[in-house]
């Protein structure tokens, strides 16, 4: 940079000051030497990222530059754009157990702000109006109102019967199919919901007896059975016959019996099934009789009355099935 003043009119001090400023400016404007992050620090080769192992590796010499990198991508894989759009999500996962699949908003019932302070009377009135309108927007037509009531009924009965989440979701899918195929006209919402839950429990191998489901349902037993047969027939549901052994763990647990009794009861039922004794018999009655017989054989005696109260099977049925199981196992009564 040329000096702006002629040298013959500048003093020695001015020349020294100007020279010092020029030297400092040159130091400040000198850029530091950049290091290329895409090249290997050893051989200068090209770096590549191994996403499966979370490493940055040199493609020439194999030097691992970085390891244990965080994978910020999704935990799922997609092989086309349609599958990617289906799996992509934001927020909480969707669920079949809610009529809107959990995609709508929900305003809490607590009249408090974000800091836990109580709202004023005007704010409470405002929040109540918002809840009302939010509820109206969530159920905008008759089908959504129907589905909301039915799924609430399924949730109530499932909770009373102690059924797992998988059974509840399967029951929700069955009810949605029945609603979509227009099977509800002429039948109550509670009836179709009860039939869907019973069919789902049978499909998921966690069955409950007809009496147990009818007890927690709000419809009579005859309507429940009639609706169940209709739903299974119209939807072509594949419902396998209930296995008596699937009732054994629950009955044994409620009677506070040991694992030895449970194992012996399964053996008795397996022997009876192999010999065709269980054909046409109630699976709940067979399970109750197997529990009673196994408890006697293992010296952990329970009375027929106690088994009858837990299994909701009459003592006469327990005695009849008990004799048949022992005869099949060739054990003297």
C-alpha atoms as a PDB file:
ATOM      1  CA  UNK A   1       0.000   0.000   0.000  1.00  0.00           C
ATOM      2  CA  UNK A   2       1.587   3.334  -1.040  1.00  0.00           C
ATOM      3  CA  UNK A   3       2.205   5.979   1.603  1.00  0.00           C
ATOM      4  CA  UNK A   4      -0.441   8.785   1.432  1.00  0.00           C
ATOM      5  CA  UNK A   5       2.082  11.490   2.401  1.00  0.00           C
ATOM      6  CA  UNK A   6       5.273  12.551   0.588  1.00  0.00           C
ATOM      7  CA  UNK A   7       8.328  11.354   2.503  1.00  0.00           C
ATOM      8  CA  UNK A   8      10.072  14.722   2.363  1.00  0.00           C
ATOM      9  CA  UNK A   9       7.379  16.378   4.529  1.00  0.00           C
ATOM     10  CA  UNK A  10       7.136  13.518   7.113  1.00  0.00           C
ATOM     11  CA  UNK A  11       9.232  13.410  10.258  1.00  0.00           C
ATOM     12  CA  UNK A  12      11.147  10.325  11.396  1.00  0.00           C
ATOM     13  CA  UNK A  13       8.597   9.607  14.165  1.00  0.00           C
ATOM     14  CA  UNK A  14       5.698   9.735  11.676  1.00  0.00           C
ATOM     15  CA  UNK A  15       7.467   7.296   9.329  1.00  0.00           C
ATOM     16  CA  UNK A  16       8.148   4.852  12.161  1.00  0.00           C
ATOM     17  CA  UNK A  17       4.487   5.002  13.363  1.00  0.00           C
ATOM     18  CA  UNK A  18       3.105   4.461   9.883  1.00  0.00           C
ATOM     19  CA  UNK A  19       5.455   1.534   9.266  1.00  0.00           C
ATOM     20  CA  UNK A  20       4.388  -0.090  12.553  1.00  0.00           C
ATOM     21  CA  UNK A  21       0.693   0.210  11.618  1.00  0.00           C
ATOM     22  CA  UNK A  22       1.371  -1.320   8.218  1.00  0.00           C
ATOM     23  CA  UNK A  23       3.199  -4.284   9.759  1.00  0.00           C
ATOM     24  CA  UNK A  24       0.362  -4.915  12.254  1.00  0.00           C
ATOM     25  CA  UNK A  25      -2.223  -4.765   9.454  1.00  0.00           C
ATOM     26  CA  UNK A  26      -0.309  -7.331   7.441  1.00  0.00           C
ATOM     27  CA  UNK A  27      -0.188  -9.682  10.456  1.00  0.00           C
ATOM     28  CA  UNK A  28      -3.914  -9.301  11.154  1.00  0.00           C
ATOM     29  CA  UNK A  29      -4.965  -9.940   7.544  1.00  0.00           C
ATOM     30  CA  UNK A  30      -2.875 -13.079   7.228  1.00  0.00           C
ATOM     31  CA  UNK A  31      -5.373 -15.983   7.278  1.00  0.00           C
ATOM     32  CA  UNK A  32      -4.492 -19.144   9.207  1.00  0.00           C
ATOM     33  CA  UNK A  33      -3.722 -22.179   7.136  1.00  0.00           C
ATOM     34  CA  UNK A  34      -6.869 -24.277   6.722  1.00  0.00           C
ATOM     35  CA  UNK A  35      -6.961 -28.019   7.331  1.00  0.00           C
ATOM     36  CA  UNK A  36      -9.118 -30.027   4.959  1.00  0.00           C
ATOM     37  CA  UNK A  37     -11.513 -32.130   7.037  1.00  0.00           C
ATOM     38  CA  UNK A  38     -12.229 -34.479   4.117  1.00  0.00           C
ATOM     39  CA  UNK A  39      -8.667 -35.735   3.828  1.00  0.00           C
ATOM     40  CA  UNK A  40      -6.737 -38.213   5.939  1.00  0.00           C
ATOM     41  CA  UNK A  41      -4.231 -36.584   8.320  1.00  0.00           C
ATOM     42  CA  UNK A  42      -1.738 -39.415   7.651  1.00  0.00           C
ATOM     43  CA  UNK A  43      -1.741 -40.026   3.906  1.00  0.00           C
ATOM     44  CA  UNK A  44      -3.980 -37.275   2.582  1.00  0.00           C
ATOM     45  CA  UNK A  45      -6.472 -39.799   1.225  1.00  0.00           C
ATOM     46  CA  UNK A  46     -10.220 -39.323   1.022  1.00  0.00           C
ATOM     47  CA  UNK A  47     -12.288 -39.948   4.167  1.00  0.00           C
ATOM     48  CA  UNK A  48     -15.548 -41.891   4.103  1.00  0.00           C
ATOM     49  CA  UNK A  49     -18.246 -42.370   6.780  1.00  0.00           C
ATOM     50  CA  UNK A  50     -19.288 -45.903   7.769  1.00  0.00           C
ATOM     51  CA  UNK A  51     -22.800 -45.317   9.156  1.00  0.00           C
ATOM     52  CA  UNK A  52     -23.329 -48.909  10.307  1.00  0.00           C
ATOM     53  CA  UNK A  53     -20.281 -48.815  12.602  1.00  0.00           C
ATOM     54  CA  UNK A  54     -20.366 -45.089  13.364  1.00  0.00           C
ATOM     55  CA  UNK A  55     -16.803 -44.501  12.136  1.00  0.00           C
ATOM     56  CA  UNK A  56     -14.957 -42.119   9.805  1.00  0.00           C
ATOM     57  CA  UNK A  57     -12.315 -44.113   7.885  1.00  0.00           C
ATOM     58  CA  UNK A  58      -9.662 -43.279   5.321  1.00  0.00           C
ATOM     59  CA  UNK A  59     -10.417 -45.110   2.077  1.00  0.00           C
ATOM     60  CA  UNK A  60      -6.676 -45.279   1.196  1.00  0.00           C
ATOM     61  CA  UNK A  61      -4.814 -46.416   4.327  1.00  0.00           C
ATOM     62  CA  UNK A  62      -7.772 -47.534   6.496  1.00  0.00           C
ATOM     63  CA  UNK A  63      -7.034 -45.144   9.379  1.00  0.00           C
ATOM     64  CA  UNK A  64     -10.023 -44.705  11.716  1.00  0.00           C
ATOM     65  CA  UNK A  65     -10.194 -40.938  12.249  1.00  0.00           C
ATOM     66  CA  UNK A  66     -13.378 -40.889  14.383  1.00  0.00           C
ATOM     67  CA  UNK A  67     -15.398 -43.629  16.096  1.00  0.00           C
ATOM     68  CA  UNK A  68     -18.596 -44.064  18.136  1.00  0.00           C
ATOM     69  CA  UNK A  69     -20.367 -41.295  16.231  1.00  0.00           C
ATOM     70  CA  UNK A  70     -24.009 -40.580  17.050  1.00  0.00           C
ATOM     71  CA  UNK A  71     -26.506 -41.806  14.449  1.00  0.00           C
ATOM     72  CA  UNK A  72     -29.033 -39.009  14.171  1.00  0.00           C
ATOM     73  CA  UNK A  73     -31.173 -40.794  11.577  1.00  0.00           C
ATOM     74  CA  UNK A  74     -34.391 -42.761  12.167  1.00  0.00           C
ATOM     75  CA  UNK A  75     -34.396 -46.192  13.764  1.00  0.00           C
ATOM     76  CA  UNK A  76     -36.416 -47.648  10.848  1.00  0.00           C
ATOM     77  CA  UNK A  77     -35.522 -48.437   7.256  1.00  0.00           C
ATOM     78  CA  UNK A  78     -37.502 -47.621   4.118  1.00  0.00           C
ATOM     79  CA  UNK A  79     -36.952 -48.921   0.603  1.00  0.00           C
ATOM     80  CA  UNK A  80     -39.193 -46.558  -1.382  1.00  0.00           C
ATOM     81  CA  UNK A  81     -40.777 -43.137  -0.990  1.00  0.00           C
ATOM     82  CA  UNK A  82     -44.203 -44.529  -0.078  1.00  0.00           C
ATOM     83  CA  UNK A  83     -42.816 -46.628   2.743  1.00  0.00           C
ATOM     84  CA  UNK A  84     -40.758 -43.664   3.931  1.00  0.00           C
ATOM     85  CA  UNK A  85     -43.861 -41.456   4.115  1.00  0.00           C
ATOM     86  CA  UNK A  86     -45.748 -44.139   6.049  1.00  0.00           C
ATOM     87  CA  UNK A  87     -43.007 -44.629   8.638  1.00  0.00           C
ATOM     88  CA  UNK A  88     -42.073 -41.002   9.036  1.00  0.00           C
ATOM     89  CA  UNK A  89     -43.572 -39.504  12.169  1.00  0.00           C
ATOM     90  CA  UNK A  90     -43.464 -36.509  14.452  1.00  0.00           C
ATOM     91  CA  UNK A  91     -44.577 -36.561  18.041  1.00  0.00           C
ATOM     92  CA  UNK A  92     -46.177 -39.485  19.857  1.00  0.00           C
ATOM     93  CA  UNK A  93     -46.800 -42.725  17.924  1.00  0.00           C
ATOM     94  CA  UNK A  94     -50.283 -43.350  16.576  1.00  0.00           C
ATOM     95  CA  UNK A  95     -52.525 -45.902  18.234  1.00  0.00           C
ATOM     96  CA  UNK A  96     -55.634 -47.785  17.138  1.00  0.00           C
ATOM     97  CA  UNK A  97     -57.058 -47.522  20.645  1.00  0.00           C
ATOM     98  CA  UNK A  98     -58.221 -43.933  20.079  1.00  0.00           C
ATOM     99  CA  UNK A  99     -60.831 -42.930  17.531  1.00  0.00           C
ATOM    100  CA  UNK A 100     -58.529 -40.290  15.992  1.00  0.00           C
ATOM    101  CA  UNK A 101     -55.424 -42.524  16.397  1.00  0.00           C
ATOM    102  CA  UNK A 102     -54.041 -40.034  18.927  1.00  0.00           C
ATOM    103  CA  UNK A 103     -53.350 -37.317  16.351  1.00  0.00           C
ATOM    104  CA  UNK A 104     -55.577 -34.601  17.816  1.00  0.00           C
ATOM    105  CA  UNK A 105     -54.874 -32.327  20.755  1.00  0.00           C
ATOM    106  CA  UNK A 106     -56.238 -32.854  24.236  1.00  0.00           C
ATOM    107  CA  UNK A 107     -56.816 -30.086  26.793  1.00  0.00           C
ATOM    108  CA  UNK A 108     -56.247 -31.228  30.363  1.00  0.00           C
ATOM    109  CA  UNK A 109     -58.954 -30.937  32.991  1.00  0.00           C
ATOM    110  CA  UNK A 110     -56.711 -29.264  35.596  1.00  0.00           C
ATOM    111  CA  UNK A 111     -57.443 -25.537  35.843  1.00  0.00           C
ATOM    112  CA  UNK A 112     -53.795 -24.597  36.356  1.00  0.00           C
ATOM    113  CA  UNK A 113     -51.176 -22.794  34.309  1.00  0.00           C
ATOM    114  CA  UNK A 114     -47.705 -24.008  33.333  1.00  0.00           C
ATOM    115  CA  UNK A 115     -46.329 -23.033  36.766  1.00  0.00           C
ATOM    116  CA  UNK A 116     -49.030 -24.908  38.715  1.00  0.00           C
ATOM    117  CA  UNK A 117     -50.886 -21.765  39.732  1.00  0.00           C
ATOM    118  CA  UNK A 118     -54.684 -21.804  39.788  1.00  0.00           C
ATOM    119  CA  UNK A 119     -56.429 -19.960  36.969  1.00  0.00           C
ATOM    120  CA  UNK A 120     -58.745 -17.041  37.536  1.00  0.00           C
ATOM    121  CA  UNK A 121     -62.500 -17.474  37.092  1.00  0.00           C
ATOM    122  CA  UNK A 122     -62.406 -15.792  33.662  1.00  0.00           C
ATOM    123  CA  UNK A 123     -59.570 -18.051  32.502  1.00  0.00           C
ATOM    124  CA  UNK A 124     -61.419 -21.130  33.778  1.00  0.00           C
ATOM    125  CA  UNK A 125     -64.492 -20.190  31.770  1.00  0.00           C
ATOM    126  CA  UNK A 126     -62.308 -19.662  28.708  1.00  0.00           C
ATOM    127  CA  UNK A 127     -60.622 -23.053  29.093  1.00  0.00           C
ATOM    128  CA  UNK A 128     -63.990 -24.759  29.514  1.00  0.00           C
ATOM    129  CA  UNK A 129     -65.215 -23.234  26.233  1.00  0.00           C
ATOM    130  CA  UNK A 130     -61.991 -24.377  24.547  1.00  0.00           C
ATOM    131  CA  UNK A 131     -62.491 -27.925  25.856  1.00  0.00           C
ATOM    132  CA  UNK A 132     -66.051 -27.958  24.528  1.00  0.00           C
ATOM    133  CA  UNK A 133     -65.047 -26.816  21.059  1.00  0.00           C
ATOM    134  CA  UNK A 134     -62.030 -29.099  21.018  1.00  0.00           C
ATOM    135  CA  UNK A 135     -64.287 -32.067  21.810  1.00  0.00           C
ATOM    136  CA  UNK A 136     -66.647 -31.058  19.015  1.00  0.00           C
ATOM    137  CA  UNK A 137     -63.819 -30.856  16.509  1.00  0.00           C
ATOM    138  CA  UNK A 138     -62.422 -34.251  17.572  1.00  0.00           C
ATOM    139  CA  UNK A 139     -65.743 -35.988  16.809  1.00  0.00           C
ATOM    140  CA  UNK A 140     -67.140 -34.254  13.746  1.00  0.00           C
ATOM    141  CA  UNK A 141     -69.508 -36.966  12.474  1.00  0.00           C
ATOM    142  CA  UNK A 142     -71.593 -39.878  13.696  1.00  0.00           C
ATOM    143  CA  UNK A 143     -68.985 -42.525  12.832  1.00  0.00           C
ATOM    144  CA  UNK A 144     -66.324 -40.816  14.923  1.00  0.00           C
ATOM    145  CA  UNK A 145     -68.733 -40.472  17.849  1.00  0.00           C
ATOM    146  CA  UNK A 146     -69.661 -44.141  17.483  1.00  0.00           C
ATOM    147  CA  UNK A 147     -66.004 -45.169  17.390  1.00  0.00           C
ATOM    148  CA  UNK A 148     -65.120 -43.028  20.392  1.00  0.00           C
ATOM    149  CA  UNK A 149     -67.869 -44.581  22.511  1.00  0.00           C
ATOM    150  CA  UNK A 150     -66.987 -48.132  21.425  1.00  0.00           C
ATOM    151  CA  UNK A 151     -63.250 -47.771  22.061  1.00  0.00           C
ATOM    152  CA  UNK A 152     -63.978 -46.343  25.492  1.00  0.00           C
ATOM    153  CA  UNK A 153     -66.152 -49.385  26.210  1.00  0.00           C
ATOM    154  CA  UNK A 154     -63.394 -51.742  25.019  1.00  0.00           C
ATOM    155  CA  UNK A 155     -60.885 -49.966  27.257  1.00  0.00           C
ATOM    156  CA  UNK A 156     -63.201 -50.250  30.265  1.00  0.00           C
ATOM    157  CA  UNK A 157     -63.863 -53.974  29.808  1.00  0.00           C
ATOM    158  CA  UNK A 158     -60.204 -54.723  29.072  1.00  0.00           C
ATOM    159  CA  UNK A 159     -59.162 -53.009  32.277  1.00  0.00           C
ATOM    160  CA  UNK A 160     -61.750 -54.968  34.282  1.00  0.00           C
ATOM    161  CA  UNK A 161     -60.602 -58.271  32.728  1.00  0.00           C
ATOM    162  CA  UNK A 162     -56.892 -57.478  33.042  1.00  0.00           C
ATOM    163  CA  UNK A 163     -56.206 -57.900  29.312  1.00  0.00           C
ATOM    164  CA  UNK A 164     -52.881 -56.659  27.861  1.00  0.00           C
ATOM    165  CA  UNK A 165     -52.430 -53.800  25.398  1.00  0.00           C
ATOM    166  CA  UNK A 166     -52.065 -56.129  22.395  1.00  0.00           C
ATOM    167  CA  UNK A 167     -55.569 -57.521  22.953  1.00  0.00           C
ATOM    168  CA  UNK A 168     -57.030 -54.020  23.242  1.00  0.00           C
ATOM    169  CA  UNK A 169     -55.452 -52.920  19.985  1.00  0.00           C
ATOM    170  CA  UNK A 170     -56.646 -56.065  18.191  1.00  0.00           C
ATOM    171  CA  UNK A 171     -60.180 -55.490  19.488  1.00  0.00           C
ATOM    172  CA  UNK A 172     -60.030 -51.897  18.246  1.00  0.00           C
ATOM    173  CA  UNK A 173     -59.022 -53.077  14.766  1.00  0.00           C
ATOM    174  CA  UNK A 174     -61.868 -55.628  14.683  1.00  0.00           C
ATOM    175  CA  UNK A 175     -64.402 -52.980  15.692  1.00  0.00           C
ATOM    176  CA  UNK A 176     -63.064 -50.560  13.060  1.00  0.00           C
ATOM    177  CA  UNK A 177     -63.518 -53.262  10.412  1.00  0.00           C
ATOM    178  CA  UNK A 178     -67.086 -53.906  11.563  1.00  0.00           C
ATOM    179  CA  UNK A 179     -67.844 -50.174  11.413  1.00  0.00           C
ATOM    180  CA  UNK A 180     -66.225 -49.810   7.991  1.00  0.00           C
ATOM    181  CA  UNK A 181     -68.181 -52.741   6.537  1.00  0.00           C
ATOM    182  CA  UNK A 182     -71.444 -51.353   7.933  1.00  0.00           C
ATOM    183  CA  UNK A 183     -72.226 -54.228  10.309  1.00  0.00           C
ATOM    184  CA  UNK A 184     -73.577 -52.097  13.159  1.00  0.00           C
ATOM    185  CA  UNK A 185     -77.113 -51.179  12.012  1.00  0.00           C
ATOM    186  CA  UNK A 186     -79.582 -53.118  14.144  1.00  0.00           C
ATOM    187  CA  UNK A 187     -76.995 -53.900  16.821  1.00  0.00           C
ATOM    188  CA  UNK A 188     -75.840 -52.009  19.880  1.00  0.00           C
ATOM    189  CA  UNK A 189     -72.427 -50.412  20.149  1.00  0.00           C
ATOM    190  CA  UNK A 190     -71.806 -52.251  23.427  1.00  0.00           C
ATOM    191  CA  UNK A 191     -72.690 -55.593  21.824  1.00  0.00           C
ATOM    192  CA  UNK A 192     -70.263 -55.250  18.913  1.00  0.00           C
ATOM    193  CA  UNK A 193     -67.550 -53.895  21.226  1.00  0.00           C
ATOM    194  CA  UNK A 194     -67.960 -56.865  23.589  1.00  0.00           C
ATOM    195  CA  UNK A 195     -67.880 -59.339  20.685  1.00  0.00           C
ATOM    196  CA  UNK A 196     -64.753 -57.669  19.259  1.00  0.00           C
ATOM    197  CA  UNK A 197     -62.975 -57.877  22.603  1.00  0.00           C
ATOM    198  CA  UNK A 198     -63.863 -61.540  23.105  1.00  0.00           C
ATOM    199  CA  UNK A 199     -62.691 -62.417  19.577  1.00  0.00           C
ATOM    200  CA  UNK A 200     -59.442 -60.471  20.073  1.00  0.00           C
ATOM    201  CA  UNK A 201     -58.722 -62.280  23.348  1.00  0.00           C
ATOM    202  CA  UNK A 202     -59.247 -65.622  21.609  1.00  0.00           C
ATOM    203  CA  UNK A 203     -56.996 -64.639  18.700  1.00  0.00           C
ATOM    204  CA  UNK A 204     -54.168 -63.397  20.961  1.00  0.00           C
ATOM    205  CA  UNK A 205     -54.201 -66.585  23.056  1.00  0.00           C
ATOM    206  CA  UNK A 206     -55.240 -64.799  26.248  1.00  0.00           C
ATOM    207  CA  UNK A 207     -58.849 -65.998  26.372  1.00  0.00           C
ATOM    208  CA  UNK A 208     -61.510 -65.144  28.882  1.00  0.00           C
ATOM    209  CA  UNK A 209     -64.616 -67.240  29.364  1.00  0.00           C
ATOM    210  CA  UNK A 210     -67.997 -66.155  28.071  1.00  0.00           C
ATOM    211  CA  UNK A 211     -69.239 -65.715  31.632  1.00  0.00           C
ATOM    212  CA  UNK A 212     -66.302 -63.480  32.573  1.00  0.00           C
ATOM    213  CA  UNK A 213     -66.808 -61.200  29.561  1.00  0.00           C
ATOM    214  CA  UNK A 214     -70.577 -61.135  30.026  1.00  0.00           C
ATOM    215  CA  UNK A 215     -70.108 -60.097  33.660  1.00  0.00           C
ATOM    216  CA  UNK A 216     -68.236 -56.899  32.778  1.00  0.00           C
ATOM    217  CA  UNK A 217     -70.365 -56.174  29.705  1.00  0.00           C
ATOM    218  CA  UNK A 218     -73.461 -53.979  29.716  1.00  0.00           C
ATOM    219  CA  UNK A 219     -75.507 -56.329  27.530  1.00  0.00           C
ATOM    220  CA  UNK A 220     -77.139 -59.673  28.287  1.00  0.00           C
ATOM    221  CA  UNK A 221     -75.340 -62.907  27.511  1.00  0.00           C
ATOM    222  CA  UNK A 222     -77.661 -64.023  24.701  1.00  0.00           C
ATOM    223  CA  UNK A 223     -77.155 -60.797  22.735  1.00  0.00           C
ATOM    224  CA  UNK A 224     -73.403 -61.066  23.303  1.00  0.00           C
ATOM    225  CA  UNK A 225     -73.222 -64.618  21.895  1.00  0.00           C
ATOM    226  CA  UNK A 226     -75.438 -63.755  18.931  1.00  0.00           C
ATOM    227  CA  UNK A 227     -73.386 -60.684  18.042  1.00  0.00           C
ATOM    228  CA  UNK A 228     -70.110 -62.589  18.424  1.00  0.00           C
ATOM    229  CA  UNK A 229     -71.210 -65.292  15.966  1.00  0.00           C
ATOM    230  CA  UNK A 230     -72.368 -62.622  13.515  1.00  0.00           C
ATOM    231  CA  UNK A 231     -69.098 -60.642  13.691  1.00  0.00           C
ATOM    232  CA  UNK A 232     -66.923 -63.735  13.269  1.00  0.00           C
ATOM    233  CA  UNK A 233     -68.972 -64.906  10.293  1.00  0.00           C
ATOM    234  CA  UNK A 234     -69.188 -61.575   8.464  1.00  0.00           C
ATOM    235  CA  UNK A 235     -65.542 -60.579   8.980  1.00  0.00           C
ATOM    236  CA  UNK A 236     -64.197 -64.093   8.318  1.00  0.00           C
ATOM    237  CA  UNK A 237     -62.171 -64.010  11.527  1.00  0.00           C
ATOM    238  CA  UNK A 238     -59.879 -66.959  12.136  1.00  0.00           C
ATOM    239  CA  UNK A 239     -60.601 -67.862  15.741  1.00  0.00           C
ATOM    240  CA  UNK A 240     -59.055 -71.110  16.889  1.00  0.00           C
ATOM    241  CA  UNK A 241     -60.783 -73.216  19.556  1.00  0.00           C
ATOM    242  CA  UNK A 242     -59.723 -72.132  23.020  1.00  0.00           C
ATOM    243  CA  UNK A 243     -56.940 -74.220  24.515  1.00  0.00           C
ATOM    244  CA  UNK A 244     -57.793 -75.356  28.087  1.00  0.00           C
ATOM    245  CA  UNK A 245     -54.099 -75.064  29.028  1.00  0.00           C
ATOM    246  CA  UNK A 246     -54.201 -71.298  28.406  1.00  0.00           C
ATOM    247  CA  UNK A 247     -56.547 -70.888  31.404  1.00  0.00           C
ATOM    248  CA  UNK A 248     -54.369 -72.893  33.786  1.00  0.00           C
ATOM    249  CA  UNK A 249     -51.756 -70.222  34.769  1.00  0.00           C
ATOM    250  CA  UNK A 250     -54.388 -67.645  35.683  1.00  0.00           C
ATOM    251  CA  UNK A 251     -56.492 -70.080  37.727  1.00  0.00           C
ATOM    252  CA  UNK A 252     -53.430 -71.468  39.498  1.00  0.00           C
ATOM    253  CA  UNK A 253     -52.270 -67.949  40.349  1.00  0.00           C
ATOM    254  CA  UNK A 254     -55.656 -66.935  41.763  1.00  0.00           C
ATOM    255  CA  UNK A 255     -55.749 -70.119  43.873  1.00  0.00           C
ATOM    256  CA  UNK A 256     -52.155 -69.477  45.050  1.00  0.00           C
ATOM    257  CA  UNK A 257     -50.931 -72.881  43.854  1.00  0.00           C
ATOM    258  CA  UNK A 258     -47.356 -73.820  43.018  1.00  0.00           C
ATOM    259  CA  UNK A 259     -45.750 -74.285  39.619  1.00  0.00           C
ATOM    260  CA  UNK A 260     -45.754 -78.044  40.203  1.00  0.00           C
ATOM    261  CA  UNK A 261     -49.564 -78.023  40.218  1.00  0.00           C
ATOM    262  CA  UNK A 262     -49.616 -75.972  37.045  1.00  0.00           C
ATOM    263  CA  UNK A 263     -47.192 -78.314  35.302  1.00  0.00           C
ATOM    264  CA  UNK A 264     -49.141 -81.428  36.359  1.00  0.00           C
ATOM    265  CA  UNK A 265     -52.412 -79.859  35.175  1.00  0.00           C
ATOM    266  CA  UNK A 266     -50.866 -79.220  31.742  1.00  0.00           C
ATOM    267  CA  UNK A 267     -49.734 -82.843  31.578  1.00  0.00           C
ATOM    268  CA  UNK A 268     -53.241 -84.094  32.383  1.00  0.00           C
ATOM    269  CA  UNK A 269     -54.759 -81.888  29.693  1.00  0.00           C
ATOM    270  CA  UNK A 270     -52.144 -82.943  27.120  1.00  0.00           C
ATOM    271  CA  UNK A 271     -52.840 -86.632  27.786  1.00  0.00           C
ATOM    272  CA  UNK A 272     -56.601 -86.075  27.557  1.00  0.00           C
ATOM    273  CA  UNK A 273     -56.227 -84.171  24.260  1.00  0.00           C
ATOM    274  CA  UNK A 274     -54.089 -86.916  22.772  1.00  0.00           C
ATOM    275  CA  UNK A 275     -56.798 -89.467  23.606  1.00  0.00           C
ATOM    276  CA  UNK A 276     -59.633 -87.253  22.316  1.00  0.00           C
ATOM    277  CA  UNK A 277     -61.313 -86.834  25.698  1.00  0.00           C
ATOM    278  CA  UNK A 278     -61.475 -83.011  25.494  1.00  0.00           C
ATOM    279  CA  UNK A 279     -63.448 -82.913  22.237  1.00  0.00           C
ATOM    280  CA  UNK A 280     -66.743 -81.060  22.669  1.00  0.00           C
ATOM    281  CA  UNK A 281     -66.032 -80.118  26.281  1.00  0.00           C
ATOM    282  CA  UNK A 282     -65.874 -76.619  27.712  1.00  0.00           C
ATOM    283  CA  UNK A 283     -62.211 -75.516  27.906  1.00  0.00           C
ATOM    284  CA  UNK A 284     -62.861 -73.614  31.137  1.00  0.00           C
ATOM    285  CA  UNK A 285     -64.395 -76.687  32.749  1.00  0.00           C
ATOM    286  CA  UNK A 286     -61.465 -78.841  31.644  1.00  0.00           C
ATOM    287  CA  UNK A 287     -58.963 -76.338  33.015  1.00  0.00           C
ATOM    288  CA  UNK A 288     -60.814 -76.166  36.345  1.00  0.00           C
ATOM    289  CA  UNK A 289     -60.925 -79.972  36.628  1.00  0.00           C
ATOM    290  CA  UNK A 290     -57.221 -80.247  35.694  1.00  0.00           C
ATOM    291  CA  UNK A 291     -56.298 -77.742  38.407  1.00  0.00           C
ATOM    292  CA  UNK A 292     -58.353 -79.657  40.973  1.00  0.00           C
ATOM    293  CA  UNK A 293     -56.916 -83.037  39.961  1.00  0.00           C
ATOM    294  CA  UNK A 294     -53.336 -81.757  39.872  1.00  0.00           C
ATOM    295  CA  UNK A 295     -53.663 -80.222  43.339  1.00  0.00           C
ATOM    296  CA  UNK A 296     -54.777 -83.585  44.744  1.00  0.00           C
ATOM    297  CA  UNK A 297     -51.997 -85.479  42.982  1.00  0.00           C
ATOM    298  CA  UNK A 298     -49.330 -83.118  44.355  1.00  0.00           C
ATOM    299  CA  UNK A 299     -50.766 -83.024  47.905  1.00  0.00           C
ATOM    300  CA  UNK A 300     -51.695 -79.333  47.665  1.00  0.00           C
ATOM    301  CA  UNK A 301     -55.359 -79.876  48.203  1.00  0.00           C
ATOM    302  CA  UNK A 302     -57.991 -77.316  47.367  1.00  0.00           C
ATOM    303  CA  UNK A 303     -61.727 -77.879  47.626  1.00  0.00           C
ATOM    304  CA  UNK A 304     -64.079 -78.095  44.678  1.00  0.00           C
ATOM    305  CA  UNK A 305     -65.907 -75.100  46.084  1.00  0.00           C
ATOM    306  CA  UNK A 306     -62.752 -72.928  45.979  1.00  0.00           C
ATOM    307  CA  UNK A 307     -62.005 -73.950  42.388  1.00  0.00           C
ATOM    308  CA  UNK A 308     -65.637 -73.321  41.446  1.00  0.00           C
ATOM    309  CA  UNK A 309     -65.595 -69.803  42.901  1.00  0.00           C
ATOM    310  CA  UNK A 310     -62.411 -68.837  41.023  1.00  0.00           C
ATOM    311  CA  UNK A 311     -63.236 -70.468  37.679  1.00  0.00           C
ATOM    312  CA  UNK A 312     -66.998 -69.813  37.734  1.00  0.00           C
ATOM    313  CA  UNK A 313     -67.607 -73.484  36.881  1.00  0.00           C
ATOM    314  CA  UNK A 314     -70.128 -75.590  38.780  1.00  0.00           C
ATOM    315  CA  UNK A 315     -68.895 -78.270  41.166  1.00  0.00           C
ATOM    316  CA  UNK A 316     -70.818 -80.914  39.209  1.00  0.00           C
ATOM    317  CA  UNK A 317     -68.897 -80.075  36.028  1.00  0.00           C
ATOM    318  CA  UNK A 318     -65.588 -80.154  37.913  1.00  0.00           C
ATOM    319  CA  UNK A 319     -66.354 -83.621  39.309  1.00  0.00           C
ATOM    320  CA  UNK A 320     -67.371 -85.017  35.906  1.00  0.00           C
ATOM    321  CA  UNK A 321     -64.335 -83.611  34.059  1.00  0.00           C
ATOM    322  CA  UNK A 322     -62.077 -84.644  36.955  1.00  0.00           C
ATOM    323  CA  UNK A 323     -63.065 -88.286  36.579  1.00  0.00           C
ATOM    324  CA  UNK A 324     -62.529 -88.161  32.796  1.00  0.00           C
ATOM    325  CA  UNK A 325     -59.060 -86.643  33.115  1.00  0.00           C
ATOM    326  CA  UNK A 326     -57.923 -89.234  35.642  1.00  0.00           C
ATOM    327  CA  UNK A 327     -59.252 -92.075  33.491  1.00  0.00           C
ATOM    328  CA  UNK A 328     -57.430 -90.727  30.461  1.00  0.00           C
ATOM    329  CA  UNK A 329     -54.181 -90.458  32.460  1.00  0.00           C
ATOM    330  CA  UNK A 330     -54.840 -93.943  33.918  1.00  0.00           C
ATOM    331  CA  UNK A 331     -54.528 -92.605  37.447  1.00  0.00           C
ATOM    332  CA  UNK A 332     -56.790 -94.182  40.105  1.00  0.00           C
ATOM    333  CA  UNK A 333     -59.302 -91.722  41.494  1.00  0.00           C
END
